[in-house]
Amino acid sequence: MKSKLRITALIVASLLALSSCETIELTHEGEKARVLSPDDVKNCQKNGAATVSISEEYLGLVPKRASTIANQLQRLARNSAIHMGGDTVVPMSKMDRGQQTFAVFRCIP
């Protein structure tokens, strides 16, 4: 009985350890992009929109916190903005099932 409990505890601990490793890295270029509000981009050129998505769970098992999901979506949007010729993103929608759309702007000449 103790052996089964130890194995179960080991599996759970391993899954939690692995899940903490899942992260969205901000690229060097993505670090240059900002997240602003609609009021802050009135004098900027809109380059388009980027819809980004991630899993809402670690390894499909453990739910992520809403703040973790929001941070990861922003990182993905910032990384995407650079590839679209932008330097700023503005959330256009709320997070919904691990997905969010951001407007991409060019604000810095």
PDB file of N, CA and C in Angstrom:
ATOM      1  N   MET A   1       0.824  -1.192   0.000  1.00  0.00           N
ATOM      2  CA  MET A   1       0.000   0.000   0.000  1.00  0.00           C
ATOM      3  C   MET A   1       0.870   1.259   0.000  1.00  0.00           C
ATOM      4  N   LYS A   2       1.898   1.252   0.842  1.00  0.00           N
ATOM      5  CA  LYS A   2       2.793   2.395   0.901  1.00  0.00           C
ATOM      6  C   LYS A   2       3.517   2.595  -0.423  1.00  0.00           C
ATOM      7  N   SER A   3       3.818   1.508  -1.089  1.00  0.00           N
ATOM      8  CA  SER A   3       4.510   1.579  -2.372  1.00  0.00           C
ATOM      9  C   SER A   3       3.647   2.274  -3.424  1.00  0.00           C
ATOM     10  N   LYS A   4       2.345   1.951  -3.461  1.00  0.00           N
ATOM     11  CA  LYS A   4       1.439   2.604  -4.409  1.00  0.00           C
ATOM     12  C   LYS A   4       1.325   4.084  -4.124  1.00  0.00           C
ATOM     13  N   LEU A   5       1.261   4.422  -2.860  1.00  0.00           N
ATOM     14  CA  LEU A   5       1.153   5.825  -2.453  1.00  0.00           C
ATOM     15  C   LEU A   5       2.410   6.589  -2.850  1.00  0.00           C
ATOM     16  N   ARG A   6       3.560   5.982  -2.667  1.00  0.00           N
ATOM     17  CA  ARG A   6       4.826   6.625  -3.046  1.00  0.00           C
ATOM     18  C   ARG A   6       4.907   6.831  -4.554  1.00  0.00           C
ATOM     19  N   ILE A   7       4.491   5.838  -5.304  1.00  0.00           N
ATOM     20  CA  ILE A   7       4.525   5.938  -6.767  1.00  0.00           C
ATOM     21  C   ILE A   7       3.573   7.043  -7.227  1.00  0.00           C
ATOM     22  N   THR A   8       2.387   7.079  -6.650  1.00  0.00           N
ATOM     23  CA  THR A   8       1.420   8.116  -7.006  1.00  0.00           C
ATOM     24  C   THR A   8       1.977   9.496  -6.672  1.00  0.00           C
ATOM     25  N   ALA A   9       2.560   9.634  -5.494  1.00  0.00           N
ATOM     26  CA  ALA A   9       3.146  10.914  -5.087  1.00  0.00           C
ATOM     27  C   ALA A   9       4.285  11.312  -6.021  1.00  0.00           C
ATOM     28  N   LEU A  10       5.090  10.356  -6.432  1.00  0.00           N
ATOM     29  CA  LEU A  10       6.197  10.620  -7.353  1.00  0.00           C
ATOM     30  C   LEU A  10       5.677  11.075  -8.712  1.00  0.00           C
ATOM     31  N   ILE A  11       4.633  10.435  -9.203  1.00  0.00           N
ATOM     32  CA  ILE A  11       4.050  10.821 -10.488  1.00  0.00           C
ATOM     33  C   ILE A  11       3.482  12.236 -10.414  1.00  0.00           C
ATOM     34  N   VAL A  12       2.753  12.537  -9.359  1.00  0.00           N
ATOM     35  CA  VAL A  12       2.178  13.877  -9.193  1.00  0.00           C
ATOM     36  C   VAL A  12       3.279  14.918  -9.090  1.00  0.00           C
ATOM     37  N   ALA A  13       4.299  14.645  -8.305  1.00  0.00           N
ATOM     38  CA  ALA A  13       5.410  15.589  -8.159  1.00  0.00           C
ATOM     39  C   ALA A  13       6.124  15.799  -9.495  1.00  0.00           C
ATOM     40  N   SER A  14       6.291  14.727 -10.260  1.00  0.00           N
ATOM     41  CA  SER A  14       6.939  14.841 -11.570  1.00  0.00           C
ATOM     42  C   SER A  14       6.118  15.691 -12.526  1.00  0.00           C
ATOM     43  N   LEU A  15       4.806  15.476 -12.541  1.00  0.00           N
ATOM     44  CA  LEU A  15       3.934  16.273 -13.413  1.00  0.00           C
ATOM     45  C   LEU A  15       3.969  17.747 -13.027  1.00  0.00           C
ATOM     46  N   LEU A  16       3.946  18.020 -11.748  1.00  0.00           N
ATOM     47  CA  LEU A  16       4.013  19.417 -11.311  1.00  0.00           C
ATOM     48  C   LEU A  16       5.347  20.053 -11.675  1.00  0.00           C
ATOM     49  N   ALA A  17       6.420  19.313 -11.528  1.00  0.00           N
ATOM     50  CA  ALA A  17       7.735  19.835 -11.893  1.00  0.00           C
ATOM     51  C   ALA A  17       7.814  20.112 -13.384  1.00  0.00           C
ATOM     52  N   LEU A  18       7.311  19.187 -14.194  1.00  0.00           N
ATOM     53  CA  LEU A  18       7.320  19.388 -15.639  1.00  0.00           C
ATOM     54  C   LEU A  18       6.436  20.557 -16.049  1.00  0.00           C
ATOM     55  N   SER A  19       5.296  20.693 -15.401  1.00  0.00           N
ATOM     56  CA  SER A  19       4.378  21.762 -15.776  1.00  0.00           C
ATOM     57  C   SER A  19       4.961  23.134 -15.465  1.00  0.00           C
ATOM     58  N   SER A  20       5.797  23.232 -14.454  1.00  0.00           N
ATOM     59  CA  SER A  20       6.383  24.528 -14.125  1.00  0.00           C
ATOM     60  C   SER A  20       7.416  24.945 -15.162  1.00  0.00           C
ATOM     61  N   CYS A  21       7.884  24.010 -15.975  1.00  0.00           N
ATOM     62  CA  CYS A  21       8.876  24.330 -17.001  1.00  0.00           C
ATOM     63  C   CYS A  21       8.243  24.922 -18.258  1.00  0.00           C
ATOM     64  N   GLU A  22       6.945  24.733 -18.442  1.00  0.00           N
ATOM     65  CA  GLU A  22       6.282  25.223 -19.650  1.00  0.00           C
ATOM     66  C   GLU A  22       6.148  26.741 -19.569  1.00  0.00           C
ATOM     67  N   THR A  23       6.782  27.414 -20.475  1.00  0.00           N
ATOM     68  CA  THR A  23       6.718  28.868 -20.472  1.00  0.00           C
ATOM     69  C   THR A  23       6.834  29.383 -21.896  1.00  0.00           C
ATOM     70  N   ILE A  24       6.370  30.589 -22.102  1.00  0.00           N
ATOM     71  CA  ILE A  24       6.503  31.256 -23.393  1.00  0.00           C
ATOM     72  C   ILE A  24       7.637  32.262 -23.250  1.00  0.00           C
ATOM     73  N   GLU A  25       8.679  32.061 -23.993  1.00  0.00           N
ATOM     74  CA  GLU A  25       9.835  32.964 -23.920  1.00  0.00           C
ATOM     75  C   GLU A  25       9.595  34.202 -24.776  1.00  0.00           C
ATOM     76  N   LEU A  26       9.925  35.334 -24.248  1.00  0.00           N
ATOM     77  CA  LEU A  26       9.904  36.582 -24.996  1.00  0.00           C
ATOM     78  C   LEU A  26      11.210  36.657 -25.779  1.00  0.00           C
ATOM     79  N   THR A  27      11.119  36.770 -27.089  1.00  0.00           N
ATOM     80  CA  THR A  27      12.334  36.833 -27.902  1.00  0.00           C
ATOM     81  C   THR A  27      13.040  38.163 -27.681  1.00  0.00           C
ATOM     82  N   HIS A  28      14.290  38.230 -28.134  1.00  0.00           N
ATOM     83  CA  HIS A  28      15.049  39.482 -28.018  1.00  0.00           C
ATOM     84  C   HIS A  28      14.309  40.608 -28.741  1.00  0.00           C
ATOM     85  N   GLU A  29      13.776  40.298 -29.928  1.00  0.00           N
ATOM     86  CA  GLU A  29      13.028  41.294 -30.688  1.00  0.00           C
ATOM     87  C   GLU A  29      11.711  41.628 -29.991  1.00  0.00           C
ATOM     88  N   GLY A  30      11.048  40.596 -29.441  1.00  0.00           N
ATOM     89  CA  GLY A  30       9.781  40.799 -28.750  1.00  0.00           C
ATOM     90  C   GLY A  30       9.900  41.702 -27.536  1.00  0.00           C
ATOM     91  N   GLU A  31      11.094  41.738 -26.930  1.00  0.00           N
ATOM     92  CA  GLU A  31      11.331  42.611 -25.777  1.00  0.00           C
ATOM     93  C   GLU A  31      11.147  44.079 -26.153  1.00  0.00           C
ATOM     94  N   LYS A  32      11.322  44.405 -27.425  1.00  0.00           N
ATOM     95  CA  LYS A  32      11.203  45.791 -27.885  1.00  0.00           C
ATOM     96  C   LYS A  32       9.752  46.221 -28.061  1.00  0.00           C
ATOM     97  N   ALA A  33       8.841  45.269 -28.135  1.00  0.00           N
ATOM     98  CA  ALA A  33       7.419  45.592 -28.321  1.00  0.00           C
ATOM     99  C   ALA A  33       6.770  45.851 -26.968  1.00  0.00           C
ATOM    100  N   ARG A  34       5.805  46.770 -26.989  1.00  0.00           N
ATOM    101  CA  ARG A  34       5.112  47.153 -25.753  1.00  0.00           C
ATOM    102  C   ARG A  34       3.655  46.753 -25.823  1.00  0.00           C
ATOM    103  N   VAL A  35       3.033  46.669 -24.661  1.00  0.00           N
ATOM    104  CA  VAL A  35       1.587  46.456 -24.561  1.00  0.00           C
ATOM    105  C   VAL A  35       1.014  47.766 -24.028  1.00  0.00           C
ATOM    106  N   LEU A  36       0.162  48.413 -24.853  1.00  0.00           N
ATOM    107  CA  LEU A  36      -0.420  49.702 -24.466  1.00  0.00           C
ATOM    108  C   LEU A  36      -1.942  49.640 -24.553  1.00  0.00           C
ATOM    109  N   SER A  37      -2.570  50.723 -24.126  1.00  0.00           N
ATOM    110  CA  SER A  37      -4.032  50.835 -24.199  1.00  0.00           C
ATOM    111  C   SER A  37      -4.414  51.534 -25.502  1.00  0.00           C
ATOM    112  N   PRO A  38      -5.683  51.442 -25.906  1.00  0.00           N
ATOM    113  CA  PRO A  38      -6.114  52.109 -27.144  1.00  0.00           C
ATOM    114  C   PRO A  38      -5.842  53.617 -27.141  1.00  0.00           C
ATOM    115  N   ASP A  39      -5.959  54.257 -26.003  1.00  0.00           N
ATOM    116  CA  ASP A  39      -5.701  55.701 -25.927  1.00  0.00           C
ATOM    117  C   ASP A  39      -4.248  56.060 -26.215  1.00  0.00           C
ATOM    118  N   ASP A  40      -3.349  55.125 -25.970  1.00  0.00           N
ATOM    119  CA  ASP A  40      -1.916  55.394 -26.144  1.00  0.00           C
ATOM    120  C   ASP A  40      -1.427  55.242 -27.579  1.00  0.00           C
ATOM    121  N   VAL A  41      -2.275  54.757 -28.482  1.00  0.00           N
ATOM    122  CA  VAL A  41      -1.822  54.494 -29.854  1.00  0.00           C
ATOM    123  C   VAL A  41      -2.554  55.342 -30.892  1.00  0.00           C
ATOM    124  N   LYS A  42      -3.130  56.443 -30.469  1.00  0.00           N
ATOM    125  CA  LYS A  42      -3.904  57.284 -31.384  1.00  0.00           C
ATOM    126  C   LYS A  42      -3.065  57.846 -32.528  1.00  0.00           C
ATOM    127  N   ASN A  43      -1.788  58.058 -32.298  1.00  0.00           N
ATOM    128  CA  ASN A  43      -0.912  58.618 -33.330  1.00  0.00           C
ATOM    129  C   ASN A  43      -0.016  57.567 -33.974  1.00  0.00           C
ATOM    130  N   CYS A  44      -0.402  56.311 -33.858  1.00  0.00           N
ATOM    131  CA  CYS A  44       0.398  55.212 -34.395  1.00  0.00           C
ATOM    132  C   CYS A  44      -0.246  54.645 -35.656  1.00  0.00           C
ATOM    133  N   GLN A  45       0.543  53.938 -36.435  1.00  0.00           N
ATOM    134  CA  GLN A  45       0.060  53.289 -37.656  1.00  0.00           C
ATOM    135  C   GLN A  45      -0.324  51.848 -37.323  1.00  0.00           C
ATOM    136  N   LYS A  46      -1.555  51.474 -37.656  1.00  0.00           N
ATOM    137  CA  LYS A  46      -2.003  50.101 -37.397  1.00  0.00           C
ATOM    138  C   LYS A  46      -1.486  49.190 -38.500  1.00  0.00           C
ATOM    139  N   ASN A  47      -0.838  48.103 -38.092  1.00  0.00           N
ATOM    140  CA  ASN A  47      -0.267  47.152 -39.052  1.00  0.00           C
ATOM    141  C   ASN A  47      -1.121  45.904 -39.214  1.00  0.00           C
ATOM    142  N   GLY A  48      -2.129  45.727 -38.394  1.00  0.00           N
ATOM    143  CA  GLY A  48      -2.961  44.535 -38.489  1.00  0.00           C
ATOM    144  C   GLY A  48      -3.331  44.011 -37.122  1.00  0.00           C
ATOM    145  N   ALA A  49      -3.617  42.726 -37.075  1.00  0.00           N
ATOM    146  CA  ALA A  49      -4.002  42.087 -35.820  1.00  0.00           C
ATOM    147  C   ALA A  49      -3.356  40.713 -35.734  1.00  0.00           C
ATOM    148  N   ALA A  50      -3.112  40.297 -34.517  1.00  0.00           N
ATOM    149  CA  ALA A  50      -2.545  38.970 -34.260  1.00  0.00           C
ATOM    150  C   ALA A  50      -3.427  38.263 -33.243  1.00  0.00           C
ATOM    151  N   THR A  51      -3.886  37.084 -33.610  1.00  0.00           N
ATOM    152  CA  THR A  51      -4.629  36.255 -32.669  1.00  0.00           C
ATOM    153  C   THR A  51      -3.686  35.173 -32.185  1.00  0.00           C
ATOM    154  N   VAL A  52      -3.476  35.126 -30.878  1.00  0.00           N
ATOM    155  CA  VAL A  52      -2.542  34.177 -30.291  1.00  0.00           C
ATOM    156  C   VAL A  52      -3.300  33.247 -29.353  1.00  0.00           C
ATOM    157  N   SER A  53      -2.773  32.045 -29.183  1.00  0.00           N
ATOM    158  CA  SER A  53      -3.446  31.097 -28.302  1.00  0.00           C
ATOM    159  C   SER A  53      -2.441  30.160 -27.641  1.00  0.00           C
ATOM    160  N   ILE A  54      -2.825  29.672 -26.463  1.00  0.00           N
ATOM    161  CA  ILE A  54      -2.036  28.711 -25.702  1.00  0.00           C
ATOM    162  C   ILE A  54      -2.996  27.751 -25.004  1.00  0.00           C
ATOM    163  N   SER A  55      -2.457  26.709 -24.466  1.00  0.00           N
ATOM    164  CA  SER A  55      -3.248  25.764 -23.676  1.00  0.00           C
ATOM    165  C   SER A  55      -3.547  26.388 -22.316  1.00  0.00           C
ATOM    166  N   GLU A  56      -4.728  26.131 -21.802  1.00  0.00           N
ATOM    167  CA  GLU A  56      -5.098  26.648 -20.491  1.00  0.00           C
ATOM    168  C   GLU A  56      -4.648  25.733 -19.353  1.00  0.00           C
ATOM    169  N   GLU A  57      -4.021  24.625 -19.700  1.00  0.00           N
ATOM    170  CA  GLU A  57      -3.546  23.692 -18.689  1.00  0.00           C
ATOM    171  C   GLU A  57      -2.094  23.322 -18.944  1.00  0.00           C
ATOM    172  N   TYR A  58      -1.408  22.972 -17.873  1.00  0.00           N
ATOM    173  CA  TYR A  58      -0.074  22.417 -17.991  1.00  0.00           C
ATOM    174  C   TYR A  58      -0.224  20.941 -18.333  1.00  0.00           C
ATOM    175  N   LEU A  59       0.401  20.523 -19.402  1.00  0.00           N
ATOM    176  CA  LEU A  59       0.370  19.128 -19.841  1.00  0.00           C
ATOM    177  C   LEU A  59      -1.043  18.588 -19.975  1.00  0.00           C
ATOM    178  N   GLY A  60      -1.997  19.472 -20.187  1.00  0.00           N
ATOM    179  CA  GLY A  60      -3.381  19.057 -20.344  1.00  0.00           C
ATOM    180  C   GLY A  60      -4.048  18.584 -19.066  1.00  0.00           C
ATOM    181  N   LEU A  61      -3.394  18.804 -17.920  1.00  0.00           N
ATOM    182  CA  LEU A  61      -3.918  18.283 -16.655  1.00  0.00           C
ATOM    183  C   LEU A  61      -4.172  19.350 -15.596  1.00  0.00           C
ATOM    184  N   VAL A  62      -3.198  20.203 -15.378  1.00  0.00           N
ATOM    185  CA  VAL A  62      -3.260  21.163 -14.280  1.00  0.00           C
ATOM    186  C   VAL A  62      -3.629  22.537 -14.834  1.00  0.00           C
ATOM    187  N   PRO A  63      -4.746  23.121 -14.377  1.00  0.00           N
ATOM    188  CA  PRO A  63      -5.148  24.435 -14.893  1.00  0.00           C
ATOM    189  C   PRO A  63      -4.119  25.524 -14.573  1.00  0.00           C
ATOM    190  N   LYS A  64      -3.907  26.419 -15.543  1.00  0.00           N
ATOM    191  CA  LYS A  64      -3.031  27.575 -15.321  1.00  0.00           C
ATOM    192  C   LYS A  64      -3.845  28.701 -14.696  1.00  0.00           C
ATOM    193  N   ARG A  65      -3.170  29.563 -13.964  1.00  0.00           N
ATOM    194  CA  ARG A  65      -3.816  30.757 -13.423  1.00  0.00           C
ATOM    195  C   ARG A  65      -4.126  31.714 -14.565  1.00  0.00           C
ATOM    196  N   ALA A  66      -5.183  32.499 -14.398  1.00  0.00           N
ATOM    197  CA  ALA A  66      -5.564  33.478 -15.428  1.00  0.00           C
ATOM    198  C   ALA A  66      -4.431  34.460 -15.677  1.00  0.00           C
ATOM    199  N   SER A  67      -3.720  34.874 -14.638  1.00  0.00           N
ATOM    200  CA  SER A  67      -2.616  35.822 -14.814  1.00  0.00           C
ATOM    201  C   SER A  67      -1.475  35.202 -15.622  1.00  0.00           C
ATOM    202  N   THR A  68      -1.229  33.923 -15.449  1.00  0.00           N
ATOM    203  CA  THR A  68      -0.194  33.232 -16.221  1.00  0.00           C
ATOM    204  C   THR A  68      -0.586  33.171 -17.686  1.00  0.00           C
ATOM    205  N   ILE A  69      -1.850  32.851 -17.945  1.00  0.00           N
ATOM    206  CA  ILE A  69      -2.337  32.803 -19.324  1.00  0.00           C
ATOM    207  C   ILE A  69      -2.219  34.178 -19.966  1.00  0.00           C
ATOM    208  N   ALA A  70      -2.636  35.215 -19.247  1.00  0.00           N
ATOM    209  CA  ALA A  70      -2.569  36.585 -19.778  1.00  0.00           C
ATOM    210  C   ALA A  70      -1.131  36.975 -20.110  1.00  0.00           C
ATOM    211  N   ASN A  71      -0.200  36.680 -19.228  1.00  0.00           N
ATOM    212  CA  ASN A  71       1.211  37.019 -19.471  1.00  0.00           C
ATOM    213  C   ASN A  71       1.764  36.265 -20.676  1.00  0.00           C
ATOM    214  N   GLN A  72       1.413  34.992 -20.801  1.00  0.00           N
ATOM    215  CA  GLN A  72       1.910  34.213 -21.927  1.00  0.00           C
ATOM    216  C   GLN A  72       1.314  34.695 -23.249  1.00  0.00           C
ATOM    217  N   LEU A  73       0.031  35.067 -23.236  1.00  0.00           N
ATOM    218  CA  LEU A  73      -0.580  35.596 -24.455  1.00  0.00           C
ATOM    219  C   LEU A  73       0.062  36.919 -24.858  1.00  0.00           C
ATOM    220  N   GLN A  74       0.356  37.769 -23.889  1.00  0.00           N
ATOM    221  CA  GLN A  74       1.021  39.038 -24.204  1.00  0.00           C
ATOM    222  C   GLN A  74       2.405  38.809 -24.787  1.00  0.00           C
ATOM    223  N   ARG A  75       3.137  37.846 -24.247  1.00  0.00           N
ATOM    224  CA  ARG A  75       4.465  37.536 -24.789  1.00  0.00           C
ATOM    225  C   ARG A  75       4.363  37.068 -26.238  1.00  0.00           C
ATOM    226  N   LEU A  76       3.406  36.185 -26.503  1.00  0.00           N
ATOM    227  CA  LEU A  76       3.219  35.721 -27.883  1.00  0.00           C
ATOM    228  C   LEU A  76       2.852  36.875 -28.808  1.00  0.00           C
ATOM    229  N   ALA A  77       1.979  37.767 -28.341  1.00  0.00           N
ATOM    230  CA  ALA A  77       1.572  38.914 -29.156  1.00  0.00           C
ATOM    231  C   ALA A  77       2.753  39.837 -29.425  1.00  0.00           C
ATOM    232  N   ARG A  78       3.566  40.088 -28.416  1.00  0.00           N
ATOM    233  CA  ARG A  78       4.740  40.945 -28.593  1.00  0.00           C
ATOM    234  C   ARG A  78       5.721  40.323 -29.576  1.00  0.00           C
ATOM    235  N   ASN A  79       5.932  39.015 -29.479  1.00  0.00           N
ATOM    236  CA  ASN A  79       6.808  38.320 -30.432  1.00  0.00           C
ATOM    237  C   ASN A  79       6.242  38.426 -31.846  1.00  0.00           C
ATOM    238  N   SER A  80       4.923  38.284 -31.977  1.00  0.00           N
ATOM    239  CA  SER A  80       4.272  38.360 -33.295  1.00  0.00           C
ATOM    240  C   SER A  80       4.336  39.757 -33.883  1.00  0.00           C
ATOM    241  N   ALA A  81       4.220  40.771 -33.052  1.00  0.00           N
ATOM    242  CA  ALA A  81       4.207  42.157 -33.528  1.00  0.00           C
ATOM    243  C   ALA A  81       5.463  42.484 -34.324  1.00  0.00           C
ATOM    244  N   ILE A  82       6.578  42.041 -33.858  1.00  0.00           N
ATOM    245  CA  ILE A  82       7.847  42.332 -34.531  1.00  0.00           C
ATOM    246  C   ILE A  82       7.850  41.754 -35.938  1.00  0.00           C
ATOM    247  N   HIS A  83       7.304  40.555 -36.106  1.00  0.00           N
ATOM    248  CA  HIS A  83       7.254  39.922 -37.434  1.00  0.00           C
ATOM    249  C   HIS A  83       6.272  40.626 -38.367  1.00  0.00           C
ATOM    250  N   MET A  84       5.396  41.446 -37.790  1.00  0.00           N
ATOM    251  CA  MET A  84       4.415  42.182 -38.590  1.00  0.00           C
ATOM    252  C   MET A  84       4.837  43.635 -38.787  1.00  0.00           C
ATOM    253  N   GLY A  85       6.072  43.964 -38.399  1.00  0.00           N
ATOM    254  CA  GLY A  85       6.563  45.326 -38.562  1.00  0.00           C
ATOM    255  C   GLY A  85       6.056  46.281 -37.502  1.00  0.00           C
ATOM    256  N   GLY A  86       5.556  45.753 -36.403  1.00  0.00           N
ATOM    257  CA  GLY A  86       5.037  46.599 -35.327  1.00  0.00           C
ATOM    258  C   GLY A  86       5.968  46.650 -34.143  1.00  0.00           C
ATOM    259  N   ASP A  87       5.648  47.553 -33.226  1.00  0.00           N
ATOM    260  CA  ASP A  87       6.417  47.674 -31.991  1.00  0.00           C
ATOM    261  C   ASP A  87       5.512  47.799 -30.767  1.00  0.00           C
ATOM    262  N   THR A  88       4.207  47.703 -31.001  1.00  0.00           N
ATOM    263  CA  THR A  88       3.233  47.883 -29.928  1.00  0.00           C
ATOM    264  C   THR A  88       2.028  46.983 -30.186  1.00  0.00           C
ATOM    265  N   VAL A  89       1.485  46.411 -29.118  1.00  0.00           N
ATOM    266  CA  VAL A  89       0.247  45.640 -29.225  1.00  0.00           C
ATOM    267  C   VAL A  89      -0.780  46.198 -28.253  1.00  0.00           C
ATOM    268  N   VAL A  90      -2.045  46.089 -28.654  1.00  0.00           N
ATOM    269  CA  VAL A  90      -3.164  46.530 -27.826  1.00  0.00           C
ATOM    270  C   VAL A  90      -4.194  45.404 -27.813  1.00  0.00           C
ATOM    271  N   PRO A  91      -4.585  44.936 -26.636  1.00  0.00           N
ATOM    272  CA  PRO A  91      -5.607  43.887 -26.600  1.00  0.00           C
ATOM    273  C   PRO A  91      -6.898  44.370 -27.255  1.00  0.00           C
ATOM    274  N   MET A  92      -7.430  43.554 -28.181  1.00  0.00           N
ATOM    275  CA  MET A  92      -8.691  43.885 -28.852  1.00  0.00           C
ATOM    276  C   MET A  92      -9.849  43.061 -28.291  1.00  0.00           C
ATOM    277  N   SER A  93      -9.527  41.969 -27.652  1.00  0.00           N
ATOM    278  CA  SER A  93     -10.558  41.100 -27.097  1.00  0.00           C
ATOM    279  C   SER A  93     -10.123  40.650 -25.708  1.00  0.00           C
ATOM    280  N   LYS A  94     -11.047  40.057 -25.008  1.00  0.00           N
ATOM    281  CA  LYS A  94     -10.719  39.450 -23.719  1.00  0.00           C
ATOM    282  C   LYS A  94     -10.193  38.047 -23.971  1.00  0.00           C
ATOM    283  N   MET A  95      -9.493  37.512 -22.998  1.00  0.00           N
ATOM    284  CA  MET A  95      -9.039  36.126 -23.099  1.00  0.00           C
ATOM    285  C   MET A  95     -10.257  35.225 -23.137  1.00  0.00           C
ATOM    286  N   ASP A  96     -10.223  34.255 -24.032  1.00  0.00           N
ATOM    287  CA  ASP A  96     -11.319  33.301 -24.126  1.00  0.00           C
ATOM    288  C   ASP A  96     -10.747  31.938 -24.495  1.00  0.00           C
ATOM    289  N   ARG A  97     -10.798  31.005 -23.578  1.00  0.00           N
ATOM    290  CA  ARG A  97     -10.289  29.651 -23.792  1.00  0.00           C
ATOM    291  C   ARG A  97      -8.842  29.642 -24.298  1.00  0.00           C
ATOM    292  N   GLY A  98      -8.012  30.474 -23.678  1.00  0.00           N
ATOM    293  CA  GLY A  98      -6.599  30.497 -24.029  1.00  0.00           C
ATOM    294  C   GLY A  98      -6.272  31.232 -25.306  1.00  0.00           C
ATOM    295  N   GLN A  99      -7.185  32.063 -25.782  1.00  0.00           N
ATOM    296  CA  GLN A  99      -6.984  32.801 -27.029  1.00  0.00           C
ATOM    297  C   GLN A  99      -7.315  34.271 -26.819  1.00  0.00           C
ATOM    298  N   GLN A 100      -6.588  35.131 -27.527  1.00  0.00           N
ATOM    299  CA  GLN A 100      -6.836  36.571 -27.462  1.00  0.00           C
ATOM    300  C   GLN A 100      -6.318  37.227 -28.733  1.00  0.00           C
ATOM    301  N   THR A 101      -7.015  38.287 -29.158  1.00  0.00           N
ATOM    302  CA  THR A 101      -6.600  39.030 -30.348  1.00  0.00           C
ATOM    303  C   THR A 101      -6.033  40.376 -29.921  1.00  0.00           C
ATOM    304  N   PHE A 102      -4.920  40.747 -30.534  1.00  0.00           N
ATOM    305  CA  PHE A 102      -4.236  42.007 -30.266  1.00  0.00           C
ATOM    306  C   PHE A 102      -4.095  42.786 -31.569  1.00  0.00           C
ATOM    307  N   ALA A 103      -4.321  44.095 -31.510  1.00  0.00           N
ATOM    308  CA  ALA A 103      -4.015  44.966 -32.646  1.00  0.00           C
ATOM    309  C   ALA A 103      -2.518  45.231 -32.603  1.00  0.00           C
ATOM    310  N   VAL A 104      -1.912  45.290 -33.766  1.00  0.00           N
ATOM    311  CA  VAL A 104      -0.472  45.529 -33.872  1.00  0.00           C
ATOM    312  C   VAL A 104      -0.253  46.906 -34.477  1.00  0.00           C
ATOM    313  N   PHE A 105       0.554  47.727 -33.825  1.00  0.00           N
ATOM    314  CA  PHE A 105       0.814  49.097 -34.261  1.00  0.00           C
ATOM    315  C   PHE A 105       2.303  49.351 -34.414  1.00  0.00           C
ATOM    316  N   ARG A 106       2.600  50.324 -35.256  1.00  0.00           N
ATOM    317  CA  ARG A 106       3.964  50.871 -35.382  1.00  0.00           C
ATOM    318  C   ARG A 106       3.903  52.274 -34.819  1.00  0.00           C
ATOM    319  N   CYS A 107       4.520  52.479 -33.656  1.00  0.00           N
ATOM    320  CA  CYS A 107       4.453  53.783 -32.984  1.00  0.00           C
ATOM    321  C   CYS A 107       5.788  54.522 -33.011  1.00  0.00           C
ATOM    322  N   ILE A 108       6.859  53.771 -33.040  1.00  0.00           N
ATOM    323  CA  ILE A 108       8.190  54.374 -33.011  1.00  0.00           C
ATOM    324  C   ILE A 108       8.742  54.416 -34.426  1.00  0.00           C
ATOM    325  N   PRO A 109       9.038  55.629 -34.922  1.00  0.00           N
ATOM    326  CA  PRO A 109       9.544  55.748 -36.298  1.00  0.00           C
ATOM    327  C   PRO A 109      10.911  55.116 -36.495  1.00  0.00           C
TER     328      PRO A 109
END
